[in-house]
Amino acid sequence: MHETLFVVTEALEGPAVERWGRLFAEAAARRPRRLVLDLRHSQRIDAAAIELLLQLHRRLLGSGGRLVLRAPGERVRRTLILARVEQVLDVEDACPGPIALADAR
């Protein structure tokens, strides 16, 4: 599998972290070359979400894959900077083509 894309449609905090985390883990188990999380619709992330992203990043690197955070908003980007993970995680600004929305709820 070359690329798996998730469009996160809510704040990645609290109970949402666990819900989305299960989906991300299932996708990572299929060993994609790129696991892309489109964060343009996610207004906030919390510490649990950052920990999840770091674990996912390490897991994918270990299997030859890559985690990509696509189009995070200013607030999410600021949180990543404050947590000092913006240079560890791969952040991509642009989005190639249209996106179909999916919801983890």
PDB file of N, CA and C in Angstrom:
ATOM      1  N   MET A   1       0.856  -1.172   0.000  1.00  0.00           N
ATOM      2  CA  MET A   1       0.000   0.000   0.000  1.00  0.00           C
ATOM      3  C   MET A   1       0.900   1.233   0.000  1.00  0.00           C
ATOM      4  N   HIS A   2       0.591   2.182  -0.872  1.00  0.00           N
ATOM      5  CA  HIS A   2       1.448   3.344  -1.008  1.00  0.00           C
ATOM      6  C   HIS A   2       1.112   4.455  -0.023  1.00  0.00           C
ATOM      7  N   GLU A   3      -0.163   4.844   0.031  1.00  0.00           N
ATOM      8  CA  GLU A   3      -0.544   5.961   0.899  1.00  0.00           C
ATOM      9  C   GLU A   3      -1.935   5.725   1.473  1.00  0.00           C
ATOM     10  N   THR A   4      -2.078   6.029   2.748  1.00  0.00           N
ATOM     11  CA  THR A   4      -3.372   5.992   3.415  1.00  0.00           C
ATOM     12  C   THR A   4      -3.636   7.393   3.928  1.00  0.00           C
ATOM     13  N   LEU A   5      -4.843   7.898   3.680  1.00  0.00           N
ATOM     14  CA  LEU A   5      -5.202   9.256   4.063  1.00  0.00           C
ATOM     15  C   LEU A   5      -6.375   9.244   5.029  1.00  0.00           C
ATOM     16  N   PHE A   6      -6.238   9.982   6.125  1.00  0.00           N
ATOM     17  CA  PHE A   6      -7.330  10.232   7.060  1.00  0.00           C
ATOM     18  C   PHE A   6      -7.559  11.734   7.112  1.00  0.00           C
ATOM     19  N   VAL A   7      -8.807  12.150   7.064  1.00  0.00           N
ATOM     20  CA  VAL A   7      -9.160  13.552   7.258  1.00  0.00           C
ATOM     21  C   VAL A   7      -9.786  13.642   8.648  1.00  0.00           C
ATOM     22  N   VAL A   8      -9.072  14.248   9.572  1.00  0.00           N
ATOM     23  CA  VAL A   8      -9.546  14.370  10.947  1.00  0.00           C
ATOM     24  C   VAL A   8     -10.550  15.519  10.982  1.00  0.00           C
ATOM     25  N   THR A   9     -11.776  15.213  11.399  1.00  0.00           N
ATOM     26  CA  THR A   9     -12.892  16.158  11.272  1.00  0.00           C
ATOM     27  C   THR A   9     -13.312  16.800  12.586  1.00  0.00           C
ATOM     28  N   GLU A  10     -12.469  16.658  13.607  1.00  0.00           N
ATOM     29  CA  GLU A  10     -12.792  17.227  14.918  1.00  0.00           C
ATOM     30  C   GLU A  10     -11.492  17.514  15.661  1.00  0.00           C
ATOM     31  N   ALA A  11     -11.616  18.195  16.792  1.00  0.00           N
ATOM     32  CA  ALA A  11     -10.440  18.424  17.631  1.00  0.00           C
ATOM     33  C   ALA A  11      -9.876  17.077  18.051  1.00  0.00           C
ATOM     34  N   LEU A  12      -8.583  16.940  17.976  1.00  0.00           N
ATOM     35  CA  LEU A  12      -7.916  15.686  18.340  1.00  0.00           C
ATOM     36  C   LEU A  12      -7.490  15.801  19.799  1.00  0.00           C
ATOM     37  N   GLU A  13      -8.482  15.592  20.672  1.00  0.00           N
ATOM     38  CA  GLU A  13      -8.277  15.721  22.115  1.00  0.00           C
ATOM     39  C   GLU A  13      -9.296  14.851  22.834  1.00  0.00           C
ATOM     40  N   GLY A  14      -9.025  14.568  24.106  1.00  0.00           N
ATOM     41  CA  GLY A  14      -9.960  13.785  24.925  1.00  0.00           C
ATOM     42  C   GLY A  14     -10.289  12.442  24.304  1.00  0.00           C
ATOM     43  N   PRO A  15     -11.573  12.049  24.342  1.00  0.00           N
ATOM     44  CA  PRO A  15     -11.993  10.741  23.824  1.00  0.00           C
ATOM     45  C   PRO A  15     -11.725  10.561  22.330  1.00  0.00           C
ATOM     46  N   ALA A  16     -11.651  11.658  21.597  1.00  0.00           N
ATOM     47  CA  ALA A  16     -11.390  11.568  20.159  1.00  0.00           C
ATOM     48  C   ALA A  16     -10.015  10.964  19.868  1.00  0.00           C
ATOM     49  N   VAL A  17      -9.058  11.186  20.759  1.00  0.00           N
ATOM     50  CA  VAL A  17      -7.706  10.651  20.554  1.00  0.00           C
ATOM     51  C   VAL A  17      -7.757   9.128  20.518  1.00  0.00           C
ATOM     52  N   GLU A  18      -8.483   8.544  21.427  1.00  0.00           N
ATOM     53  CA  GLU A  18      -8.584   7.081  21.459  1.00  0.00           C
ATOM     54  C   GLU A  18      -9.304   6.543  20.224  1.00  0.00           C
ATOM     55  N   ARG A  19     -10.401   7.188  19.831  1.00  0.00           N
ATOM     56  CA  ARG A  19     -11.157   6.750  18.637  1.00  0.00           C
ATOM     57  C   ARG A  19     -10.292   6.803  17.386  1.00  0.00           C
ATOM     58  N   TRP A  20      -9.682   7.955  17.142  1.00  0.00           N
ATOM     59  CA  TRP A  20      -8.845   8.107  15.955  1.00  0.00           C
ATOM     60  C   TRP A  20      -7.605   7.226  16.072  1.00  0.00           C
ATOM     61  N   GLY A  21      -7.076   7.090  17.274  1.00  0.00           N
ATOM     62  CA  GLY A  21      -5.883   6.269  17.478  1.00  0.00           C
ATOM     63  C   GLY A  21      -6.085   4.831  17.035  1.00  0.00           C
ATOM     64  N   ARG A  22      -7.262   4.284  17.306  1.00  0.00           N
ATOM     65  CA  ARG A  22      -7.567   2.909  16.861  1.00  0.00           C
ATOM     66  C   ARG A  22      -7.522   2.823  15.337  1.00  0.00           C
ATOM     67  N   LEU A  23      -8.120   3.805  14.666  1.00  0.00           N
ATOM     68  CA  LEU A  23      -8.122   3.815  13.199  1.00  0.00           C
ATOM     69  C   LEU A  23      -6.711   3.958  12.643  1.00  0.00           C
ATOM     70  N   PHE A  24      -5.933   4.862  13.242  1.00  0.00           N
ATOM     71  CA  PHE A  24      -4.555   5.072  12.783  1.00  0.00           C
ATOM     72  C   PHE A  24      -3.731   3.807  12.976  1.00  0.00           C
ATOM     73  N   ALA A  25      -3.907   3.127  14.121  1.00  0.00           N
ATOM     74  CA  ALA A  25      -3.147   1.903  14.411  1.00  0.00           C
ATOM     75  C   ALA A  25      -3.479   0.804  13.402  1.00  0.00           C
ATOM     76  N   GLU A  26      -4.765   0.666  13.070  1.00  0.00           N
ATOM     77  CA  GLU A  26      -5.164  -0.328  12.066  1.00  0.00           C
ATOM     78  C   GLU A  26      -4.513  -0.031  10.728  1.00  0.00           C
ATOM     79  N   ALA A  27      -4.489   1.231  10.353  1.00  0.00           N
ATOM     80  CA  ALA A  27      -3.868   1.617   9.075  1.00  0.00           C
ATOM     81  C   ALA A  27      -2.359   1.377   9.114  1.00  0.00           C
ATOM     82  N   ALA A  28      -1.708   1.721  10.218  1.00  0.00           N
ATOM     83  CA  ALA A  28      -0.259   1.537  10.340  1.00  0.00           C
ATOM     84  C   ALA A  28       0.114   0.057  10.273  1.00  0.00           C
ATOM     85  N   ALA A  29      -0.760  -0.815  10.770  1.00  0.00           N
ATOM     86  CA  ALA A  29      -0.506  -2.257  10.734  1.00  0.00           C
ATOM     87  C   ALA A  29      -0.430  -2.782   9.295  1.00  0.00           C
ATOM     88  N   ARG A  30      -1.037  -2.049   8.355  1.00  0.00           N
ATOM     89  CA  ARG A  30      -0.979  -2.436   6.932  1.00  0.00           C
ATOM     90  C   ARG A  30       0.297  -1.940   6.254  1.00  0.00           C
ATOM     91  N   ARG A  31       1.138  -1.241   7.026  1.00  0.00           N
ATOM     92  CA  ARG A  31       2.458  -0.791   6.592  1.00  0.00           C
ATOM     93  C   ARG A  31       2.447   0.058   5.316  1.00  0.00           C
ATOM     94  N   PRO A  32       1.692   1.167   5.333  1.00  0.00           N
ATOM     95  CA  PRO A  32       1.720   2.042   4.157  1.00  0.00           C
ATOM     96  C   PRO A  32       3.064   2.763   4.071  1.00  0.00           C
ATOM     97  N   ARG A  33       3.415   3.180   2.879  1.00  0.00           N
ATOM     98  CA  ARG A  33       4.635   3.993   2.742  1.00  0.00           C
ATOM     99  C   ARG A  33       4.438   5.352   3.380  1.00  0.00           C
ATOM    100  N   ARG A  34       3.212   5.883   3.236  1.00  0.00           N
ATOM    101  CA  ARG A  34       2.866   7.177   3.844  1.00  0.00           C
ATOM    102  C   ARG A  34       1.497   7.059   4.494  1.00  0.00           C
ATOM    103  N   LEU A  35       1.414   7.474   5.739  1.00  0.00           N
ATOM    104  CA  LEU A  35       0.140   7.600   6.434  1.00  0.00           C
ATOM    105  C   LEU A  35      -0.067   9.096   6.623  1.00  0.00           C
ATOM    106  N   VAL A  36      -1.047   9.643   5.906  1.00  0.00           N
ATOM    107  CA  VAL A  36      -1.271  11.083   5.883  1.00  0.00           C
ATOM    108  C   VAL A  36      -2.488  11.410   6.740  1.00  0.00           C
ATOM    109  N   LEU A  37      -2.301  12.318   7.695  1.00  0.00           N
ATOM    110  CA  LEU A  37      -3.389  12.795   8.540  1.00  0.00           C
ATOM    111  C   LEU A  37      -3.662  14.240   8.164  1.00  0.00           C
ATOM    112  N   ASP A  38      -4.782  14.471   7.490  1.00  0.00           N
ATOM    113  CA  ASP A  38      -5.153  15.829   7.102  1.00  0.00           C
ATOM    114  C   ASP A  38      -5.815  16.475   8.316  1.00  0.00           C
ATOM    115  N   LEU A  39      -5.184  17.517   8.827  1.00  0.00           N
ATOM    116  CA  LEU A  39      -5.635  18.155  10.069  1.00  0.00           C
ATOM    117  C   LEU A  39      -6.307  19.509   9.850  1.00  0.00           C
ATOM    118  N   ARG A  40      -6.616  19.860   8.609  1.00  0.00           N
ATOM    119  CA  ARG A  40      -7.188  21.188   8.336  1.00  0.00           C
ATOM    120  C   ARG A  40      -8.505  21.434   9.066  1.00  0.00           C
ATOM    121  N   HIS A  41      -9.278  20.384   9.366  1.00  0.00           N
ATOM    122  CA  HIS A  41     -10.567  20.528  10.046  1.00  0.00           C
ATOM    123  C   HIS A  41     -10.462  20.300  11.550  1.00  0.00           C
ATOM    124  N   SER A  42      -9.270  20.046  12.030  1.00  0.00           N
ATOM    125  CA  SER A  42      -9.051  19.829  13.458  1.00  0.00           C
ATOM    126  C   SER A  42      -8.575  21.139  14.074  1.00  0.00           C
ATOM    127  N   GLN A  43      -9.365  21.683  14.974  1.00  0.00           N
ATOM    128  CA  GLN A  43      -9.057  22.993  15.547  1.00  0.00           C
ATOM    129  C   GLN A  43      -8.033  22.943  16.671  1.00  0.00           C
ATOM    130  N   ARG A  44      -7.937  21.791  17.355  1.00  0.00           N
ATOM    131  CA  ARG A  44      -7.046  21.672  18.511  1.00  0.00           C
ATOM    132  C   ARG A  44      -6.495  20.254  18.606  1.00  0.00           C
ATOM    133  N   ILE A  45      -5.332  20.149  19.239  1.00  0.00           N
ATOM    134  CA  ILE A  45      -4.806  18.842  19.640  1.00  0.00           C
ATOM    135  C   ILE A  45      -4.295  18.984  21.068  1.00  0.00           C
ATOM    136  N   ASP A  46      -4.327  17.888  21.806  1.00  0.00           N
ATOM    137  CA  ASP A  46      -3.845  17.936  23.186  1.00  0.00           C
ATOM    138  C   ASP A  46      -2.589  17.073  23.343  1.00  0.00           C
ATOM    139  N   ALA A  47      -2.092  16.988  24.569  1.00  0.00           N
ATOM    140  CA  ALA A  47      -0.859  16.243  24.846  1.00  0.00           C
ATOM    141  C   ALA A  47      -1.008  14.760  24.492  1.00  0.00           C
ATOM    142  N   ALA A  48      -2.181  14.185  24.744  1.00  0.00           N
ATOM    143  CA  ALA A  48      -2.402  12.770  24.407  1.00  0.00           C
ATOM    144  C   ALA A  48      -2.317  12.570  22.892  1.00  0.00           C
ATOM    145  N   ALA A  49      -2.821  13.524  22.129  1.00  0.00           N
ATOM    146  CA  ALA A  49      -2.749  13.441  20.673  1.00  0.00           C
ATOM    147  C   ALA A  49      -1.304  13.528  20.192  1.00  0.00           C
ATOM    148  N   ILE A  50      -0.532  14.405  20.811  1.00  0.00           N
ATOM    149  CA  ILE A  50       0.875  14.531  20.432  1.00  0.00           C
ATOM    150  C   ILE A  50       1.620  13.232  20.729  1.00  0.00           C
ATOM    151  N   GLU A  51       1.344  12.637  21.873  1.00  0.00           N
ATOM    152  CA  GLU A  51       1.967  11.350  22.211  1.00  0.00           C
ATOM    153  C   GLU A  51       1.570  10.281  21.192  1.00  0.00           C
ATOM    154  N   LEU A  52       0.306  10.250  20.815  1.00  0.00           N
ATOM    155  CA  LEU A  52      -0.174   9.309  19.800  1.00  0.00           C
ATOM    156  C   LEU A  52       0.572   9.517  18.484  1.00  0.00           C
ATOM    157  N   LEU A  53       0.718  10.764  18.059  1.00  0.00           N
ATOM    158  CA  LEU A  53       1.407  11.064  16.807  1.00  0.00           C
ATOM    159  C   LEU A  53       2.871  10.628  16.861  1.00  0.00           C
ATOM    160  N   LEU A  54       3.525  10.848  17.989  1.00  0.00           N
ATOM    161  CA  LEU A  54       4.917  10.430  18.126  1.00  0.00           C
ATOM    162  C   LEU A  54       5.052   8.904  18.089  1.00  0.00           C
ATOM    163  N   GLN A  55       4.143   8.195  18.756  1.00  0.00           N
ATOM    164  CA  GLN A  55       4.171   6.729  18.726  1.00  0.00           C
ATOM    165  C   GLN A  55       3.946   6.212  17.311  1.00  0.00           C
ATOM    166  N   LEU A  56       2.989   6.818  16.634  1.00  0.00           N
ATOM    167  CA  LEU A  56       2.679   6.433  15.255  1.00  0.00           C
ATOM    168  C   LEU A  56       3.875   6.699  14.347  1.00  0.00           C
ATOM    169  N   HIS A  57       4.502   7.842  14.530  1.00  0.00           N
ATOM    170  CA  HIS A  57       5.693   8.208  13.764  1.00  0.00           C
ATOM    171  C   HIS A  57       6.787   7.152  13.932  1.00  0.00           C
ATOM    172  N   ARG A  58       7.071   6.771  15.176  1.00  0.00           N
ATOM    173  CA  ARG A  58       8.106   5.768  15.443  1.00  0.00           C
ATOM    174  C   ARG A  58       7.740   4.412  14.850  1.00  0.00           C
ATOM    175  N   ARG A  59       6.475   4.037  14.992  1.00  0.00           N
ATOM    176  CA  ARG A  59       6.028   2.742  14.461  1.00  0.00           C
ATOM    177  C   ARG A  59       6.185   2.685  12.939  1.00  0.00           C
ATOM    178  N   LEU A  60       5.783   3.753  12.269  1.00  0.00           N
ATOM    179  CA  LEU A  60       5.882   3.777  10.814  1.00  0.00           C
ATOM    180  C   LEU A  60       7.335   3.804  10.353  1.00  0.00           C
ATOM    181  N   LEU A  61       8.168   4.580  11.022  1.00  0.00           N
ATOM    182  CA  LEU A  61       9.597   4.607  10.666  1.00  0.00           C
ATOM    183  C   LEU A  61      10.208   3.218  10.784  1.00  0.00           C
ATOM    184  N   GLY A  62       9.827   2.498  11.825  1.00  0.00           N
ATOM    185  CA  GLY A  62      10.353   1.155  12.048  1.00  0.00           C
ATOM    186  C   GLY A  62       9.974   0.163  10.961  1.00  0.00           C
ATOM    187  N   SER A  63       8.881   0.445  10.244  1.00  0.00           N
ATOM    188  CA  SER A  63       8.454  -0.458   9.178  1.00  0.00           C
ATOM    189  C   SER A  63       8.701   0.144   7.788  1.00  0.00           C
ATOM    190  N   GLY A  64       9.526   1.195   7.747  1.00  0.00           N
ATOM    191  CA  GLY A  64       9.871   1.787   6.456  1.00  0.00           C
ATOM    192  C   GLY A  64       8.863   2.788   5.931  1.00  0.00           C
ATOM    193  N   GLY A  65       7.925   3.190   6.777  1.00  0.00           N
ATOM    194  CA  GLY A  65       6.904   4.139   6.358  1.00  0.00           C
ATOM    195  C   GLY A  65       7.154   5.525   6.918  1.00  0.00           C
ATOM    196  N   ARG A  66       6.181   6.379   6.697  1.00  0.00           N
ATOM    197  CA  ARG A  66       6.326   7.777   7.101  1.00  0.00           C
ATOM    198  C   ARG A  66       4.963   8.342   7.488  1.00  0.00           C
ATOM    199  N   LEU A  67       4.916   9.074   8.595  1.00  0.00           N
ATOM    200  CA  LEU A  67       3.711   9.780   9.028  1.00  0.00           C
ATOM    201  C   LEU A  67       3.807  11.213   8.515  1.00  0.00           C
ATOM    202  N   VAL A  68       2.723  11.688   7.890  1.00  0.00           N
ATOM    203  CA  VAL A  68       2.685  13.054   7.370  1.00  0.00           C
ATOM    204  C   VAL A  68       1.466  13.754   7.950  1.00  0.00           C
ATOM    205  N   LEU A  69       1.680  14.925   8.543  1.00  0.00           N
ATOM    206  CA  LEU A  69       0.584  15.762   9.024  1.00  0.00           C
ATOM    207  C   LEU A  69       0.331  16.812   7.959  1.00  0.00           C
ATOM    208  N   ARG A  70      -0.844  16.768   7.359  1.00  0.00           N
ATOM    209  CA  ARG A  70      -1.146  17.668   6.250  1.00  0.00           C
ATOM    210  C   ARG A  70      -2.015  18.834   6.705  1.00  0.00           C
ATOM    211  N   ALA A  71      -1.588  20.023   6.343  1.00  0.00           N
ATOM    212  CA  ALA A  71      -2.365  21.262   6.472  1.00  0.00           C
ATOM    213  C   ALA A  71      -2.905  21.552   7.871  1.00  0.00           C
ATOM    214  N   PRO A  72      -2.071  21.418   8.916  1.00  0.00           N
ATOM    215  CA  PRO A  72      -2.590  21.783  10.243  1.00  0.00           C
ATOM    216  C   PRO A  72      -2.842  23.290  10.310  1.00  0.00           C
ATOM    217  N   GLY A  73      -3.907  23.680  10.991  1.00  0.00           N
ATOM    218  CA  GLY A  73      -4.204  25.094  11.166  1.00  0.00           C
ATOM    219  C   GLY A  73      -3.182  25.748  12.079  1.00  0.00           C
ATOM    220  N   GLU A  74      -3.284  27.062  12.186  1.00  0.00           N
ATOM    221  CA  GLU A  74      -2.313  27.822  12.994  1.00  0.00           C
ATOM    222  C   GLU A  74      -2.284  27.373  14.446  1.00  0.00           C
ATOM    223  N   ARG A  75      -3.449  27.133  15.031  1.00  0.00           N
ATOM    224  CA  ARG A  75      -3.500  26.734  16.439  1.00  0.00           C
ATOM    225  C   ARG A  75      -2.840  25.371  16.660  1.00  0.00           C
ATOM    226  N   VAL A  76      -3.126  24.426  15.766  1.00  0.00           N
ATOM    227  CA  VAL A  76      -2.511  23.094  15.879  1.00  0.00           C
ATOM    228  C   VAL A  76      -1.013  23.205  15.648  1.00  0.00           C
ATOM    229  N   ARG A  77      -0.619  23.960  14.652  1.00  0.00           N
ATOM    230  CA  ARG A  77       0.814  24.145  14.361  1.00  0.00           C
ATOM    231  C   ARG A  77       1.538  24.774  15.553  1.00  0.00           C
ATOM    232  N   ARG A  78       0.906  25.761  16.186  1.00  0.00           N
ATOM    233  CA  ARG A  78       1.492  26.416  17.362  1.00  0.00           C
ATOM    234  C   ARG A  78       1.668  25.412  18.506  1.00  0.00           C
ATOM    235  N   THR A  79       0.682  24.546  18.693  1.00  0.00           N
ATOM    236  CA  THR A  79       0.775  23.512  19.736  1.00  0.00           C
ATOM    237  C   THR A  79       1.940  22.568  19.448  1.00  0.00           C
ATOM    238  N   LEU A  80       2.118  22.185  18.188  1.00  0.00           N
ATOM    239  CA  LEU A  80       3.241  21.315  17.815  1.00  0.00           C
ATOM    240  C   LEU A  80       4.583  21.998  18.095  1.00  0.00           C
ATOM    241  N   ILE A  81       4.641  23.292  17.818  1.00  0.00           N
ATOM    242  CA  ILE A  81       5.870  24.053  18.074  1.00  0.00           C
ATOM    243  C   ILE A  81       6.145  24.132  19.572  1.00  0.00           C
ATOM    244  N   LEU A  82       5.109  24.445  20.354  1.00  0.00           N
ATOM    245  CA  LEU A  82       5.282  24.544  21.809  1.00  0.00           C
ATOM    246  C   LEU A  82       5.711  23.211  22.417  1.00  0.00           C
ATOM    247  N   ALA A  83       5.229  22.114  21.833  1.00  0.00           N
ATOM    248  CA  ALA A  83       5.602  20.776  22.320  1.00  0.00           C
ATOM    249  C   ALA A  83       6.967  20.338  21.775  1.00  0.00           C
ATOM    250  N   ARG A  84       7.538  21.169  20.916  1.00  0.00           N
ATOM    251  CA  ARG A  84       8.851  20.911  20.318  1.00  0.00           C
ATOM    252  C   ARG A  84       8.896  19.622  19.504  1.00  0.00           C
ATOM    253  N   VAL A  85       7.831  19.352  18.772  1.00  0.00           N
ATOM    254  CA  VAL A  85       7.795  18.168  17.919  1.00  0.00           C
ATOM    255  C   VAL A  85       7.661  18.530  16.442  1.00  0.00           C
ATOM    256  N   GLU A  86       7.608  19.812  16.127  1.00  0.00           N
ATOM    257  CA  GLU A  86       7.394  20.229  14.737  1.00  0.00           C
ATOM    258  C   GLU A  86       8.539  19.816  13.820  1.00  0.00           C
ATOM    259  N   GLN A  87       9.731  19.608  14.371  1.00  0.00           N
ATOM    260  CA  GLN A  87      10.848  19.181  13.536  1.00  0.00           C
ATOM    261  C   GLN A  87      11.026  17.665  13.544  1.00  0.00           C
ATOM    262  N   VAL A  88      10.319  17.000  14.432  1.00  0.00           N
ATOM    263  CA  VAL A  88      10.354  15.532  14.466  1.00  0.00           C
ATOM    264  C   VAL A  88       9.303  14.977  13.515  1.00  0.00           C
ATOM    265  N   LEU A  89       8.116  15.555  13.561  1.00  0.00           N
ATOM    266  CA  LEU A  89       7.008  15.108  12.715  1.00  0.00           C
ATOM    267  C   LEU A  89       7.063  15.817  11.365  1.00  0.00           C
ATOM    268  N   ASP A  90       6.679  15.116  10.325  1.00  0.00           N
ATOM    269  CA  ASP A  90       6.689  15.658   8.964  1.00  0.00           C
ATOM    270  C   ASP A  90       5.386  16.423   8.727  1.00  0.00           C
ATOM    271  N   VAL A  91       5.482  17.738   8.528  1.00  0.00           N
ATOM    272  CA  VAL A  91       4.306  18.583   8.327  1.00  0.00           C
ATOM    273  C   VAL A  91       4.308  19.072   6.892  1.00  0.00           C
ATOM    274  N   GLU A  92       3.174  18.900   6.228  1.00  0.00           N
ATOM    275  CA  GLU A  92       3.013  19.252   4.818  1.00  0.00           C
ATOM    276  C   GLU A  92       1.913  20.301   4.709  1.00  0.00           C
ATOM    277  N   ASP A  93       2.168  21.394   4.019  1.00  0.00           N
ATOM    278  CA  ASP A  93       1.177  22.469   3.912  1.00  0.00           C
ATOM    279  C   ASP A  93       0.132  22.223   2.836  1.00  0.00           C
ATOM    280  N   ALA A  94       0.552  21.834   1.685  1.00  0.00           N
ATOM    281  CA  ALA A  94      -0.348  21.744   0.527  1.00  0.00           C
ATOM    282  C   ALA A  94      -1.116  20.436   0.499  1.00  0.00           C
ATOM    283  N   CYS A  95      -2.205  20.469  -0.225  1.00  0.00           N
ATOM    284  CA  CYS A  95      -3.041  19.278  -0.400  1.00  0.00           C
ATOM    285  C   CYS A  95      -3.265  19.056  -1.882  1.00  0.00           C
ATOM    286  N   PRO A  96      -2.804  17.945  -2.421  1.00  0.00           N
ATOM    287  CA  PRO A  96      -3.035  17.675  -3.834  1.00  0.00           C
ATOM    288  C   PRO A  96      -4.453  17.138  -4.069  1.00  0.00           C
ATOM    289  N   GLY A  97      -5.276  17.884  -4.766  1.00  0.00           N
ATOM    290  CA  GLY A  97      -6.594  17.400  -5.180  1.00  0.00           C
ATOM    291  C   GLY A  97      -7.667  17.474  -4.115  1.00  0.00           C
ATOM    292  N   PRO A  98      -8.903  17.076  -4.494  1.00  0.00           N
ATOM    293  CA  PRO A  98     -10.046  17.109  -3.568  1.00  0.00           C
ATOM    294  C   PRO A  98      -9.944  16.034  -2.495  1.00  0.00           C
ATOM    295  N   ILE A  99     -10.639  16.281  -1.393  1.00  0.00           N
ATOM    296  CA  ILE A  99     -10.599  15.372  -0.245  1.00  0.00           C
ATOM    297  C   ILE A  99     -12.017  14.945   0.106  1.00  0.00           C
ATOM    298  N   ALA A 100     -12.206  13.658   0.328  1.00  0.00           N
ATOM    299  CA  ALA A 100     -13.478  13.146   0.826  1.00  0.00           C
ATOM    300  C   ALA A 100     -13.382  13.056   2.346  1.00  0.00           C
ATOM    301  N   LEU A 101     -14.383  13.560   3.042  1.00  0.00           N
ATOM    302  CA  LEU A 101     -14.352  13.576   4.504  1.00  0.00           C
ATOM    303  C   LEU A 101     -14.797  12.241   5.083  1.00  0.00           C
ATOM    304  N   ALA A 102     -14.110  11.821   6.144  1.00  0.00           N
ATOM    305  CA  ALA A 102     -14.484  10.634   6.907  1.00  0.00           C
ATOM    306  C   ALA A 102     -14.550  11.040   8.368  1.00  0.00           C
ATOM    307  N   ASP A 103     -15.379  10.380   9.122  1.00  0.00           N
ATOM    308  CA  ASP A 103     -15.562  10.747  10.521  1.00  0.00           C
ATOM    309  C   ASP A 103     -15.375   9.519  11.393  1.00  0.00           C
ATOM    310  N   ALA A 104     -14.626   9.653  12.482  1.00  0.00           N
ATOM    311  CA  ALA A 104     -14.361   8.515  13.383  1.00  0.00           C
ATOM    312  C   ALA A 104     -15.467   8.318  14.395  1.00  0.00           C
ATOM    313  N   ARG A 105     -16.444   9.194  14.432  1.00  0.00           N
ATOM    314  CA  ARG A 105     -17.527   9.079  15.440  1.00  0.00           C
ATOM    315  C   ARG A 105     -18.414   7.942  15.194  1.00  0.00           C
TER     316      ARG A 105
END
